[in-house]
Amino acid sequence: VNVAVGAQFTIDSFSTLLDRHARWTKAWEELSNVTLKTVRFNTLQSVTDERKFSVGGYALNFTELGKVMLGLESSSNFSSVELLTSTPEEATGRIKFEILVEMNNSLILNSEKSS
C-alpha cells in the first residue's frame, strides 16, 4: 500500500510539474514576443496566484522601459501589467526595473490544451 501511495504521489507531482512547465513556457514565449531585444531580464518570480509573475531586469533608458510596458499591455495574453519599481543606475546609465504581470485566461487555457 505504501508503495502504491508513493507512486501515486510521484505521478501527481510529475503531472503538476509538466502542467506548470507548459504554462511557464507559453508565458516566456509571449514575453519574448512582445519585448525589445535590448531589454534584459534577470529575475522571474511566480506570485502566489499562479496567474501572476514578476520580472526584473534592465532597460537602456526610460523610453525603452515604456516600450516594454506598452508591449506587455498590448498583448492579449496578459490582462494586467504594473510597474513596481524603476531606478536609474548611475554607473551604467541603465534603468533597473521590476514589473508585475497577470496572465490572461487565454494563455493559461492554451498551455493546458498543449500539455
Protein backbone atom coordinates (compact mmCIF):
# COMPACT_ATOMS: atom_id res chain seq x y z
CA VAL A 1 0.00 0.00 0.00
CA ASN A 2 2.81 2.43 0.86
CA VAL A 3 4.49 1.76 -2.49
CA ALA A 4 1.22 2.46 -4.34
CA VAL A 5 0.65 5.67 -2.39
CA GLY A 6 4.24 6.75 -3.05
CA ALA A 7 3.89 6.00 -6.76
CA GLN A 8 0.62 7.95 -6.98
CA PHE A 9 2.26 10.92 -5.22
CA THR A 10 5.15 10.79 -7.72
CA ILE A 11 2.73 10.67 -10.67
CA ASP A 12 0.70 13.59 -9.28
CA SER A 13 3.86 15.63 -8.67
CA PHE A 14 5.16 14.90 -12.16
CA SER A 15 1.81 15.87 -13.70
CA THR A 16 1.80 19.17 -11.78
CA LEU A 17 5.38 19.84 -12.86
CA LEU A 18 4.53 19.26 -16.54
CA ASP A 19 1.43 21.47 -16.33
CA ARG A 20 3.38 24.32 -14.78
CA HIS A 21 6.24 23.86 -17.26
CA ALA A 22 3.81 24.19 -20.18
CA ARG A 23 2.26 27.29 -18.60
CA TRP A 24 5.59 28.98 -17.99
CA THR A 25 6.88 28.02 -21.42
CA LYS A 26 3.90 29.81 -23.01
CA ALA A 27 4.41 32.81 -20.72
CA TRP A 28 8.11 33.04 -21.66
CA GLU A 29 7.30 32.72 -25.35
CA GLU A 30 4.79 35.57 -25.11
CA LEU A 31 7.17 37.68 -23.02
CA SER A 32 9.84 37.17 -25.66
CA ASN A 33 7.43 38.09 -28.48
CA VAL A 34 6.46 41.46 -27.00
CA THR A 35 9.78 42.58 -25.52
CA LEU A 36 12.54 44.65 -27.10
CA LYS A 37 15.73 42.73 -27.78
CA THR A 38 17.76 45.36 -25.90
CA VAL A 39 15.94 44.69 -22.62
CA ARG A 40 17.50 42.11 -20.32
CA PHE A 41 15.53 40.14 -17.74
CA ASN A 42 17.43 38.72 -14.81
CA THR A 43 14.66 37.61 -12.45
CA LEU A 44 11.35 35.84 -12.75
CA GLN A 45 9.24 35.09 -9.74
CA SER A 46 5.86 33.46 -9.55
CA VAL A 47 3.40 35.21 -7.29
CA THR A 48 1.15 33.13 -5.02
CA ASP A 49 -1.67 33.43 -7.53
CA GLU A 50 -0.47 31.21 -10.39
CA ARG A 51 -1.71 33.73 -12.95
CA LYS A 52 0.77 36.40 -11.83
CA PHE A 53 4.52 36.71 -12.08
CA SER A 54 7.07 39.46 -11.65
CA VAL A 55 10.03 40.04 -13.93
CA GLY A 56 13.01 42.19 -13.19
CA GLY A 57 15.76 43.41 -15.41
CA TYR A 58 17.41 46.31 -17.18
CA ALA A 59 16.42 48.67 -19.98
CA LEU A 60 18.75 51.10 -21.73
CA ASN A 61 16.55 54.09 -20.77
CA PHE A 62 13.06 55.07 -19.64
CA THR A 63 11.83 55.23 -23.25
CA GLU A 64 12.69 51.57 -23.75
CA LEU A 65 11.11 50.66 -20.42
CA GLY A 66 7.94 52.44 -21.59
CA LYS A 67 8.01 50.41 -24.81
CA VAL A 68 8.31 47.20 -22.78
CA MET A 69 5.31 48.21 -20.69
CA LEU A 70 3.33 49.07 -23.84
CA GLY A 71 4.25 45.76 -25.46
CA LEU A 72 3.13 43.80 -22.40
CA GLU A 73 -0.09 45.82 -22.09
CA SER A 74 -0.83 45.36 -25.81
CA SER A 75 -0.59 41.58 -25.60
CA SER A 76 -3.94 39.80 -25.50
CA ASN A 77 -2.27 37.15 -23.31
CA PHE A 78 -1.59 39.50 -20.42
CA SER A 79 -4.53 41.06 -18.60
CA SER A 80 -2.71 43.35 -16.19
CA VAL A 81 0.74 44.97 -16.16
CA GLU A 82 2.08 47.06 -13.29
CA LEU A 83 5.46 48.75 -12.95
CA LEU A 84 6.60 48.02 -9.40
CA THR A 85 9.99 49.77 -9.45
CA SER A 86 12.25 51.67 -11.84
CA THR A 87 15.60 53.01 -10.74
CA PRO A 88 18.34 54.59 -12.84
CA GLU A 89 21.79 53.19 -12.13
CA GLU A 90 24.47 55.87 -12.08
CA ALA A 91 27.35 53.56 -13.00
CA THR A 92 25.78 52.09 -16.16
CA GLY A 93 23.04 54.57 -17.03
CA ARG A 94 20.62 51.68 -17.41
CA ILE A 95 17.21 51.51 -15.77
CA LYS A 96 16.68 48.68 -13.31
CA PHE A 97 13.01 47.66 -13.14
CA GLU A 98 10.51 45.17 -11.80
CA ILE A 99 7.14 44.55 -13.45
CA LEU A 100 4.15 42.56 -12.17
CA VAL A 101 2.27 40.75 -14.94
CA GLU A 102 -1.02 38.87 -14.80
CA MET A 103 -1.58 36.21 -17.43
CA ASN A 104 -4.89 36.23 -19.26
CA ASN A 105 -7.02 33.11 -19.09
CA SER A 106 -6.40 32.51 -22.80
CA LEU A 107 -2.67 31.99 -22.16
CA ILE A 108 -3.34 29.59 -19.32
CA LEU A 109 -6.00 27.67 -21.26
CA ASN A 110 -3.76 27.43 -24.34
CA SER A 111 -0.95 26.00 -22.22
CA GLU A 112 -3.33 23.47 -20.65
CA LYS A 113 -4.52 22.32 -24.09
CA SER A 114 -0.97 21.76 -25.30
CA SER A 115 0.12 19.70 -22.28
